[in-house]
N, C-alpha and C. Protein backbone atom coordinates (compact mmCIF):
# COMPACT_ATOMS: atom_id res chain seq x y z
N UNK A 1 0.84 -1.18 0.00
CA UNK A 1 0.00 0.00 0.00
C UNK A 1 0.88 1.24 0.00
N UNK A 2 0.62 2.03 -0.98
CA UNK A 2 1.37 3.28 -1.01
C UNK A 2 0.50 4.39 -0.46
N UNK A 3 1.19 5.21 0.26
CA UNK A 3 0.46 6.34 0.84
C UNK A 3 0.51 7.49 -0.14
N UNK A 4 -0.63 8.04 -0.44
CA UNK A 4 -0.70 9.20 -1.30
C UNK A 4 -0.67 10.44 -0.43
N UNK A 5 0.16 11.36 -0.82
CA UNK A 5 0.22 12.61 -0.08
C UNK A 5 -0.87 13.54 -0.56
N UNK A 6 -1.52 14.17 0.36
CA UNK A 6 -2.51 15.18 0.00
C UNK A 6 -1.75 16.43 -0.39
N UNK A 7 -2.26 17.15 -1.38
CA UNK A 7 -1.58 18.36 -1.87
C UNK A 7 -1.45 19.42 -0.78
N UNK A 8 -2.38 19.44 0.16
CA UNK A 8 -2.34 20.46 1.20
C UNK A 8 -1.33 20.15 2.29
N UNK A 9 -0.76 18.97 2.23
CA UNK A 9 0.26 18.60 3.21
C UNK A 9 1.68 18.71 2.64
N UNK A 10 1.80 19.13 1.42
CA UNK A 10 3.11 19.20 0.78
C UNK A 10 3.96 20.29 1.43
N UNK A 11 5.14 19.94 1.92
CA UNK A 11 6.01 20.91 2.58
C UNK A 11 6.42 22.06 1.65
N UNK A 12 6.61 21.81 0.39
CA UNK A 12 7.01 22.87 -0.54
C UNK A 12 5.91 23.92 -0.66
N UNK A 13 4.65 23.49 -0.66
CA UNK A 13 3.53 24.43 -0.76
C UNK A 13 3.49 25.32 0.47
N UNK A 14 3.65 24.73 1.64
CA UNK A 14 3.64 25.53 2.88
C UNK A 14 4.82 26.49 2.93
N UNK A 15 5.95 26.08 2.47
CA UNK A 15 7.12 26.95 2.45
C UNK A 15 6.88 28.13 1.51
N UNK A 16 6.27 27.87 0.36
CA UNK A 16 5.97 28.94 -0.60
C UNK A 16 4.96 29.93 -0.02
N UNK A 17 3.90 29.41 0.59
CA UNK A 17 2.91 30.29 1.21
C UNK A 17 3.52 31.12 2.34
N UNK A 18 4.37 30.53 3.14
CA UNK A 18 5.03 31.25 4.23
C UNK A 18 5.93 32.35 3.68
N UNK A 19 6.69 32.05 2.64
CA UNK A 19 7.58 33.05 2.04
C UNK A 19 6.76 34.21 1.46
N UNK A 20 5.65 33.90 0.81
CA UNK A 20 4.78 34.95 0.27
C UNK A 20 4.20 35.82 1.38
N UNK A 21 3.80 35.20 2.46
CA UNK A 21 3.27 35.95 3.60
C UNK A 21 4.31 36.88 4.19
N UNK A 22 5.52 36.40 4.37
CA UNK A 22 6.60 37.23 4.90
C UNK A 22 6.90 38.38 3.95
N UNK A 23 6.93 38.10 2.65
CA UNK A 23 7.18 39.14 1.65
C UNK A 23 6.10 40.22 1.72
N UNK A 24 4.85 39.84 1.85
CA UNK A 24 3.76 40.82 1.94
C UNK A 24 3.89 41.67 3.20
N UNK A 25 4.26 41.07 4.31
CA UNK A 25 4.44 41.81 5.55
C UNK A 25 5.58 42.81 5.42
N UNK A 26 6.69 42.40 4.79
CA UNK A 26 7.83 43.30 4.60
C UNK A 26 7.44 44.46 3.69
N UNK A 27 6.74 44.20 2.61
CA UNK A 27 6.31 45.27 1.69
C UNK A 27 5.36 46.22 2.39
N UNK A 28 4.40 45.71 3.13
CA UNK A 28 3.45 46.55 3.86
C UNK A 28 4.18 47.43 4.88
N UNK A 29 5.09 46.83 5.63
CA UNK A 29 5.84 47.59 6.63
C UNK A 29 6.72 48.66 5.99
N UNK A 30 7.38 48.33 4.90
CA UNK A 30 8.23 49.32 4.22
C UNK A 30 7.38 50.46 3.68
N UNK A 31 6.23 50.14 3.15
CA UNK A 31 5.34 51.17 2.62
C UNK A 31 4.86 52.09 3.74
N UNK A 32 4.50 51.55 4.87
CA UNK A 32 4.06 52.36 6.01
C UNK A 32 5.20 53.22 6.55
N UNK A 33 6.40 52.67 6.56
CA UNK A 33 7.54 53.39 7.12
C UNK A 33 8.05 54.49 6.20
N UNK A 34 8.15 54.23 4.90
CA UNK A 34 8.77 55.17 3.97
C UNK A 34 7.79 56.08 3.25
N UNK A 35 6.56 55.66 3.10
CA UNK A 35 5.59 56.46 2.34
C UNK A 35 5.00 57.56 3.21
N UNK A 36 4.79 58.72 2.61
CA UNK A 36 4.10 59.81 3.30
C UNK A 36 2.61 59.55 3.19
N UNK A 37 1.90 59.86 4.24
CA UNK A 37 0.45 59.65 4.24
C UNK A 37 -0.21 60.71 3.37
N UNK A 38 -0.60 60.32 2.16
CA UNK A 38 -1.21 61.24 1.21
C UNK A 38 -2.69 61.46 1.52
N UNK A 39 -3.25 60.63 2.38
CA UNK A 39 -4.68 60.73 2.65
C UNK A 39 -4.95 61.31 4.03
N UNK A 40 -4.06 62.16 4.50
CA UNK A 40 -4.27 62.76 5.82
C UNK A 40 -5.57 63.54 5.83
N UNK A 41 -6.30 63.39 6.89
CA UNK A 41 -7.60 64.06 6.99
C UNK A 41 -7.39 65.57 7.07
N UNK A 42 -8.16 66.33 6.30
CA UNK A 42 -8.02 67.78 6.38
C UNK A 42 -8.47 68.28 7.75
N UNK A 43 -7.83 69.36 8.19
CA UNK A 43 -8.19 69.96 9.47
C UNK A 43 -9.52 70.68 9.31
N UNK A 44 -10.44 70.42 10.22
CA UNK A 44 -11.74 71.08 10.16
C UNK A 44 -11.58 72.57 10.42
N UNK A 45 -12.36 73.35 9.71
CA UNK A 45 -12.36 74.80 9.91
C UNK A 45 -12.98 75.08 11.28
N UNK A 46 -12.30 75.90 12.07
CA UNK A 46 -12.80 76.26 13.39
C UNK A 46 -13.99 77.18 13.20
N UNK A 47 -15.06 76.92 13.95
CA UNK A 47 -16.25 77.76 13.89
C UNK A 47 -16.00 79.02 14.70
N UNK A 48 -16.29 80.16 14.07
CA UNK A 48 -16.14 81.45 14.74
C UNK A 48 -17.50 81.95 15.17
N UNK A 49 -17.56 82.48 16.38
CA UNK A 49 -18.80 83.02 16.93
C UNK A 49 -18.97 84.45 16.42
N UNK A 50 -19.98 84.66 15.59
CA UNK A 50 -20.23 85.99 15.01
C UNK A 50 -20.72 86.98 16.06
N UNK A 51 -21.29 86.49 17.15
CA UNK A 51 -21.80 87.35 18.22
C UNK A 51 -21.25 86.87 19.56
N UNK A 52 -19.96 87.18 19.83
CA UNK A 52 -19.39 86.69 21.10
C UNK A 52 -20.09 87.29 22.30
N UNK A 53 -20.13 86.52 23.36
CA UNK A 53 -20.78 86.97 24.59
C UNK A 53 -19.89 87.90 25.38
N UNK A 54 -20.19 88.03 26.66
CA UNK A 54 -19.43 88.91 27.53
C UNK A 54 -17.96 88.52 27.64
N UNK A 55 -17.66 87.24 27.44
CA UNK A 55 -16.27 86.80 27.52
C UNK A 55 -15.46 87.22 26.30
N UNK A 56 -16.13 87.66 25.22
CA UNK A 56 -15.45 88.15 24.02
C UNK A 56 -14.80 87.09 23.17
N UNK A 57 -15.02 85.82 23.50
CA UNK A 57 -14.35 84.74 22.76
C UNK A 57 -15.05 84.51 21.41
N UNK A 58 -14.26 84.60 20.36
CA UNK A 58 -14.75 84.34 19.00
C UNK A 58 -14.55 82.87 18.65
N UNK A 59 -13.38 82.33 18.99
CA UNK A 59 -13.07 80.92 18.71
C UNK A 59 -11.91 80.47 19.59
N UNK A 60 -11.93 79.20 19.98
CA UNK A 60 -10.85 78.64 20.79
C UNK A 60 -10.10 77.60 19.99
N UNK A 61 -8.89 77.32 20.40
CA UNK A 61 -8.03 76.30 19.76
C UNK A 61 -7.95 76.51 18.25
N UNK A 62 -7.69 77.74 17.85
CA UNK A 62 -7.60 78.07 16.43
C UNK A 62 -6.17 77.77 15.95
N UNK A 63 -6.03 76.90 14.93
CA UNK A 63 -4.70 76.62 14.40
C UNK A 63 -4.13 77.86 13.70
N UNK A 64 -2.83 78.01 13.67
CA UNK A 64 -2.22 79.19 13.07
C UNK A 64 -2.66 79.45 11.62
N UNK A 65 -2.88 78.39 10.86
CA UNK A 65 -3.26 78.58 9.45
C UNK A 65 -4.70 79.04 9.27
N UNK A 66 -5.47 79.15 10.36
CA UNK A 66 -6.84 79.63 10.26
C UNK A 66 -7.02 81.02 10.88
N UNK A 67 -5.93 81.64 11.28
CA UNK A 67 -6.02 83.00 11.81
C UNK A 67 -6.21 83.98 10.66
N UNK A 68 -6.86 85.11 10.97
CA UNK A 68 -7.11 86.15 9.98
C UNK A 68 -6.42 87.44 10.41
N UNK A 69 -6.02 88.22 9.43
CA UNK A 69 -5.39 89.50 9.73
C UNK A 69 -6.33 90.32 10.61
N UNK A 70 -5.80 90.86 11.69
CA UNK A 70 -6.58 91.66 12.63
C UNK A 70 -7.06 90.86 13.84
N UNK A 71 -6.95 89.52 13.81
CA UNK A 71 -7.38 88.71 14.95
C UNK A 71 -6.59 89.11 16.20
N UNK A 72 -7.31 89.36 17.28
CA UNK A 72 -6.71 89.60 18.59
C UNK A 72 -6.67 88.27 19.32
N UNK A 73 -5.53 87.98 19.94
CA UNK A 73 -5.27 86.64 20.46
C UNK A 73 -5.05 86.65 21.96
N UNK A 74 -5.76 85.78 22.63
CA UNK A 74 -5.66 85.64 24.09
C UNK A 74 -4.83 84.41 24.39
N UNK A 75 -3.86 84.54 25.27
CA UNK A 75 -3.02 83.39 25.63
C UNK A 75 -2.01 83.04 24.55
N UNK A 76 -1.65 84.00 23.70
CA UNK A 76 -0.69 83.76 22.63
C UNK A 76 0.66 83.39 23.22
N UNK A 77 1.25 82.30 22.70
CA UNK A 77 2.55 81.84 23.15
C UNK A 77 3.55 81.87 21.99
N UNK A 78 3.09 81.40 20.82
CA UNK A 78 3.97 81.27 19.67
C UNK A 78 3.13 81.30 18.39
N UNK A 79 3.70 81.79 17.29
CA UNK A 79 2.97 81.78 16.02
C UNK A 79 2.67 80.38 15.51
N UNK A 80 3.26 79.37 16.12
CA UNK A 80 3.08 78.00 15.65
C UNK A 80 2.10 77.19 16.51
N UNK A 81 1.53 77.82 17.54
CA UNK A 81 0.63 77.10 18.44
C UNK A 81 -0.81 77.58 18.29
N UNK A 82 -1.76 76.68 18.55
CA UNK A 82 -3.17 77.04 18.55
C UNK A 82 -3.40 78.13 19.60
N UNK A 83 -4.39 78.97 19.35
CA UNK A 83 -4.66 80.08 20.26
C UNK A 83 -6.15 80.40 20.30
N UNK A 84 -6.53 81.33 21.16
CA UNK A 84 -7.92 81.77 21.28
C UNK A 84 -8.06 83.14 20.64
N UNK A 85 -9.05 83.27 19.74
CA UNK A 85 -9.34 84.55 19.10
C UNK A 85 -10.45 85.23 19.89
N UNK A 86 -10.22 86.50 20.24
CA UNK A 86 -11.20 87.27 21.01
C UNK A 86 -11.44 88.60 20.30
N UNK A 87 -12.49 89.29 20.71
CA UNK A 87 -12.69 90.65 20.20
C UNK A 87 -11.52 91.48 20.70
N UNK A 88 -11.18 92.53 19.98
CA UNK A 88 -10.05 93.35 20.39
C UNK A 88 -10.36 94.19 21.62
N UNK A 89 -11.64 94.26 22.01
CA UNK A 89 -12.02 94.95 23.25
C UNK A 89 -11.89 94.04 24.47
N UNK A 90 -11.59 92.77 24.22
CA UNK A 90 -11.39 91.78 25.28
C UNK A 90 -9.89 91.72 25.57
N UNK A 91 -9.53 91.48 26.81
CA UNK A 91 -8.11 91.39 27.17
C UNK A 91 -7.41 90.35 26.30
N UNK A 92 -6.32 90.77 25.67
CA UNK A 92 -5.53 89.88 24.82
C UNK A 92 -4.07 90.31 24.87
N UNK A 93 -3.20 89.41 24.45
CA UNK A 93 -1.77 89.71 24.53
C UNK A 93 -1.06 89.72 23.18
N UNK A 94 -1.80 89.53 22.07
CA UNK A 94 -1.16 89.54 20.76
C UNK A 94 -2.19 89.81 19.68
N UNK A 95 -1.68 90.14 18.49
CA UNK A 95 -2.56 90.37 17.36
C UNK A 95 -1.81 90.00 16.08
N UNK A 96 -2.53 89.33 15.17
CA UNK A 96 -1.99 89.05 13.84
C UNK A 96 -2.19 90.32 13.03
N UNK A 97 -1.09 90.96 12.61
CA UNK A 97 -1.20 92.27 11.96
C UNK A 97 -1.08 92.22 10.45
N UNK A 98 -0.50 91.15 9.90
CA UNK A 98 -0.37 91.08 8.44
C UNK A 98 0.20 89.73 8.03
N UNK A 99 0.00 89.38 6.77
CA UNK A 99 0.67 88.22 6.18
C UNK A 99 1.28 88.67 4.85
N UNK A 100 2.35 88.02 4.47
CA UNK A 100 3.05 88.33 3.22
C UNK A 100 3.41 87.03 2.52
N UNK A 101 3.43 87.06 1.20
CA UNK A 101 3.95 85.94 0.40
C UNK A 101 5.30 86.36 -0.14
N UNK A 102 6.32 85.56 0.14
CA UNK A 102 7.65 85.84 -0.36
C UNK A 102 7.76 85.39 -1.81
N UNK A 103 8.67 86.01 -2.55
CA UNK A 103 8.89 85.66 -3.96
C UNK A 103 10.17 84.86 -4.09
N UNK A 104 10.27 84.18 -5.20
CA UNK A 104 11.51 83.48 -5.52
C UNK A 104 11.35 81.98 -5.53
N UNK A 105 12.24 81.36 -6.28
CA UNK A 105 12.25 79.90 -6.37
C UNK A 105 13.34 79.29 -5.49
N UNK A 106 14.40 80.07 -5.25
CA UNK A 106 15.53 79.58 -4.48
C UNK A 106 15.39 80.01 -3.01
N UNK A 107 15.50 79.04 -2.11
CA UNK A 107 15.42 79.34 -0.68
C UNK A 107 16.57 80.27 -0.30
N UNK A 108 16.27 81.43 0.29
CA UNK A 108 17.33 82.40 0.60
C UNK A 108 18.15 82.07 1.84
N UNK A 109 17.90 80.94 2.45
CA UNK A 109 18.65 80.55 3.65
C UNK A 109 17.97 81.08 4.90
N UNK A 110 18.23 80.47 6.05
CA UNK A 110 17.60 80.89 7.30
C UNK A 110 17.83 82.36 7.63
N UNK A 111 19.05 82.84 7.46
CA UNK A 111 19.35 84.25 7.77
C UNK A 111 18.61 85.18 6.82
N UNK A 112 18.54 84.81 5.54
CA UNK A 112 17.83 85.62 4.55
C UNK A 112 16.34 85.68 4.83
N UNK A 113 15.75 84.54 5.17
CA UNK A 113 14.32 84.49 5.50
C UNK A 113 14.04 85.32 6.75
N UNK A 114 14.90 85.18 7.75
CA UNK A 114 14.73 85.92 9.00
C UNK A 114 14.77 87.43 8.74
N UNK A 115 15.77 87.88 8.00
CA UNK A 115 15.92 89.32 7.73
C UNK A 115 14.73 89.85 6.93
N UNK A 116 14.32 89.12 5.89
CA UNK A 116 13.20 89.59 5.07
C UNK A 116 11.90 89.58 5.88
N UNK A 117 11.69 88.56 6.70
CA UNK A 117 10.48 88.49 7.53
C UNK A 117 10.42 89.65 8.52
N UNK A 118 11.55 89.94 9.16
CA UNK A 118 11.59 91.06 10.11
C UNK A 118 11.30 92.38 9.40
N UNK A 119 11.92 92.60 8.24
CA UNK A 119 11.69 93.85 7.49
C UNK A 119 10.23 93.99 7.10
N UNK A 120 9.63 92.91 6.59
CA UNK A 120 8.23 92.96 6.17
C UNK A 120 7.31 93.24 7.36
N UNK A 121 7.53 92.53 8.44
CA UNK A 121 6.66 92.69 9.60
C UNK A 121 6.78 94.09 10.22
N UNK A 122 7.98 94.60 10.27
CA UNK A 122 8.17 95.93 10.86
C UNK A 122 7.70 97.05 9.94
N UNK A 123 7.38 96.72 8.68
CA UNK A 123 6.87 97.73 7.74
C UNK A 123 5.35 97.92 7.86
N UNK A 124 4.68 97.05 8.61
CA UNK A 124 3.22 97.14 8.77
C UNK A 124 2.89 98.38 9.59
N UNK A 125 2.05 99.28 9.06
CA UNK A 125 1.69 100.47 9.83
C UNK A 125 0.80 100.09 11.02
N UNK A 126 1.21 100.50 12.19
CA UNK A 126 0.43 100.26 13.40
C UNK A 126 -0.20 101.57 13.85
N UNK A 127 -1.26 101.47 14.63
CA UNK A 127 -1.97 102.66 15.10
C UNK A 127 -1.10 103.42 16.09
N UNK A 128 -0.73 104.66 15.75
CA UNK A 128 0.11 105.42 16.69
C UNK A 128 -0.59 105.71 18.01
N UNK A 129 -1.92 105.62 18.04
CA UNK A 129 -2.66 105.87 19.30
C UNK A 129 -2.71 104.62 20.18
N UNK A 130 -2.32 103.46 19.63
CA UNK A 130 -2.36 102.24 20.44
C UNK A 130 -1.21 102.25 21.44
N UNK A 131 -1.34 101.47 22.50
CA UNK A 131 -0.35 101.51 23.59
C UNK A 131 0.93 100.73 23.27
N UNK A 132 1.59 101.09 22.17
CA UNK A 132 2.82 100.38 21.78
C UNK A 132 4.02 101.01 22.50
N UNK A 133 4.79 100.17 23.13
CA UNK A 133 6.02 100.61 23.77
C UNK A 133 7.01 99.46 23.74
N UNK A 134 8.01 99.49 24.55
CA UNK A 134 9.05 98.45 24.52
C UNK A 134 8.58 97.12 25.08
N UNK A 135 7.38 97.06 25.65
CA UNK A 135 6.90 95.78 26.18
C UNK A 135 6.29 94.91 25.07
N UNK A 136 6.24 95.44 23.85
CA UNK A 136 5.74 94.69 22.69
C UNK A 136 6.92 94.15 21.90
N UNK A 137 6.71 92.99 21.27
CA UNK A 137 7.74 92.46 20.39
C UNK A 137 7.09 91.81 19.17
N UNK A 138 7.85 91.70 18.11
CA UNK A 138 7.38 91.07 16.88
C UNK A 138 7.64 89.57 16.95
N UNK A 139 6.68 88.83 16.47
CA UNK A 139 6.80 87.38 16.32
C UNK A 139 6.32 87.07 14.91
N UNK A 140 6.88 86.09 14.29
CA UNK A 140 6.40 85.74 12.96
C UNK A 140 6.69 84.29 12.65
N UNK A 141 5.82 83.74 11.83
CA UNK A 141 6.09 82.41 11.30
C UNK A 141 6.63 82.64 9.90
N UNK A 142 7.50 81.77 9.47
CA UNK A 142 8.13 81.91 8.16
C UNK A 142 8.46 80.54 7.63
N UNK A 143 8.68 80.43 6.32
CA UNK A 143 8.98 79.12 5.75
C UNK A 143 10.35 78.60 6.20
N UNK A 144 10.43 77.31 6.35
CA UNK A 144 11.72 76.66 6.57
C UNK A 144 12.18 76.16 5.20
N UNK A 145 13.38 75.64 5.13
CA UNK A 145 13.85 75.12 3.84
C UNK A 145 12.97 73.98 3.36
N UNK A 146 12.54 73.13 4.29
CA UNK A 146 11.68 72.00 3.92
C UNK A 146 10.32 72.46 3.42
N UNK A 147 9.68 73.42 4.11
CA UNK A 147 8.36 73.88 3.66
C UNK A 147 8.48 74.73 2.40
N UNK A 148 9.61 75.41 2.21
CA UNK A 148 9.86 76.19 0.99
C UNK A 148 9.80 75.27 -0.22
N UNK A 149 10.43 74.09 -0.10
CA UNK A 149 10.43 73.11 -1.20
C UNK A 149 9.03 72.65 -1.53
N UNK A 150 8.12 72.71 -0.55
CA UNK A 150 6.72 72.30 -0.76
C UNK A 150 5.86 73.46 -1.25
N UNK A 151 6.47 74.65 -1.46
CA UNK A 151 5.73 75.79 -1.98
C UNK A 151 5.32 76.82 -0.95
N UNK A 152 5.70 76.64 0.32
CA UNK A 152 5.34 77.59 1.37
C UNK A 152 6.15 78.87 1.21
N UNK A 153 5.45 80.00 1.09
CA UNK A 153 6.12 81.30 1.00
C UNK A 153 5.50 82.31 1.97
N UNK A 154 4.67 81.81 2.92
CA UNK A 154 3.90 82.70 3.78
C UNK A 154 4.67 83.13 5.03
N UNK A 155 4.63 84.44 5.28
CA UNK A 155 5.14 85.01 6.53
C UNK A 155 3.95 85.61 7.24
N UNK A 156 3.70 85.22 8.48
CA UNK A 156 2.61 85.78 9.29
C UNK A 156 3.24 86.63 10.39
N UNK A 157 2.78 87.88 10.49
CA UNK A 157 3.36 88.85 11.42
C UNK A 157 2.45 89.08 12.62
N UNK A 158 3.00 88.91 13.80
CA UNK A 158 2.27 89.12 15.05
C UNK A 158 3.00 90.17 15.86
N UNK A 159 2.26 90.96 16.61
CA UNK A 159 2.86 91.77 17.67
C UNK A 159 2.29 91.22 18.97
N UNK A 160 3.15 91.08 19.96
CA UNK A 160 2.72 90.47 21.23
C UNK A 160 3.35 91.21 22.39
N UNK A 161 2.59 91.28 23.46
CA UNK A 161 3.10 91.83 24.71
C UNK A 161 4.01 90.82 25.37
N UNK A 162 5.10 91.30 25.94
CA UNK A 162 5.99 90.40 26.68
C UNK A 162 5.30 89.91 27.95
N UNK A 163 4.44 90.76 28.55
CA UNK A 163 3.59 90.36 29.67
C UNK A 163 2.42 91.33 29.76
N UNK A 164 1.34 90.87 30.36
CA UNK A 164 0.15 91.69 30.49
C UNK A 164 -0.79 91.56 29.31
N UNK A 165 -1.77 92.45 29.24
CA UNK A 165 -2.74 92.41 28.15
C UNK A 165 -3.27 93.81 27.88
N UNK A 166 -3.93 93.96 26.74
CA UNK A 166 -4.56 95.22 26.35
C UNK A 166 -5.98 94.93 25.90
N UNK A 167 -6.75 96.00 25.69
CA UNK A 167 -8.14 95.86 25.26
C UNK A 167 -8.41 96.75 24.05
N UNK A 168 -7.46 96.75 23.11
CA UNK A 168 -7.66 97.50 21.88
C UNK A 168 -6.76 96.94 20.79
N UNK A 169 -7.08 97.26 19.55
CA UNK A 169 -6.30 96.81 18.42
C UNK A 169 -5.06 97.68 18.26
N UNK A 170 -3.99 97.10 17.74
CA UNK A 170 -2.80 97.88 17.44
C UNK A 170 -2.80 98.34 15.99
N UNK A 171 -3.79 97.89 15.23
CA UNK A 171 -3.91 98.30 13.82
C UNK A 171 -4.74 99.56 13.71
N UNK A 172 -4.46 100.39 12.70
CA UNK A 172 -5.29 101.58 12.50
C UNK A 172 -6.74 101.18 12.25
N UNK A 173 -7.66 101.99 12.73
CA UNK A 173 -9.09 101.73 12.57
C UNK A 173 -9.50 101.81 11.11
N UNK A 174 -10.27 100.83 10.66
CA UNK A 174 -10.80 100.82 9.30
C UNK A 174 -12.29 100.56 9.35
N UNK A 175 -12.96 101.09 10.29
CA UNK A 175 -14.40 100.85 10.41
C UNK A 175 -14.68 100.03 11.64
N UNK A 176 -15.45 98.91 11.47
CA UNK A 176 -15.80 98.07 12.62
C UNK A 176 -14.56 97.51 13.29
N UNK A 177 -14.72 97.17 14.54
CA UNK A 177 -13.62 96.64 15.34
C UNK A 177 -12.99 95.44 14.65
N UNK A 178 -11.67 95.40 14.62
CA UNK A 178 -10.95 94.26 14.05
C UNK A 178 -11.02 93.09 15.01
N UNK A 179 -10.93 91.91 14.43
CA UNK A 179 -10.90 90.72 15.25
C UNK A 179 -12.27 90.28 15.71
N UNK A 180 -13.30 90.81 15.08
CA UNK A 180 -14.64 90.36 15.46
C UNK A 180 -15.39 89.88 14.26
């Protein structure tokens, strides 16, 4: 009596299936490790309160890319961190005063970007009647070499108090209160 081997018991078949499984795991892992996530979920637009209450809060946890020129900011720490937008009549410690798009295809280097950003931000006309003194400083976000390669040319200019708060805009009046 000869024993017939069942095809599903063949060692070569199991070895082939195992090798294919390992190959698929390696390809999947390499793809996850090296590939950039092209399907990242877009950040939801923060809802702004058109009629803020007594607290003056227009929106909380606002990402930097959703700030608008004239926004007065409460609890501002850095141009790269989420912040709270309030009416300019509400106590705040910073304001987004302008944004600029830089020109050029070649990255001007960190020192070049820094110098150009400072010059642009300091060229923004501020309200001479606002309480500007040495306790204010300029802050700005600017492209890095990596973001420049991706097309980022935006400079966002902020003025911020080193400590304390104010209840008015530092921008010249153009009608209705800014930041509301």
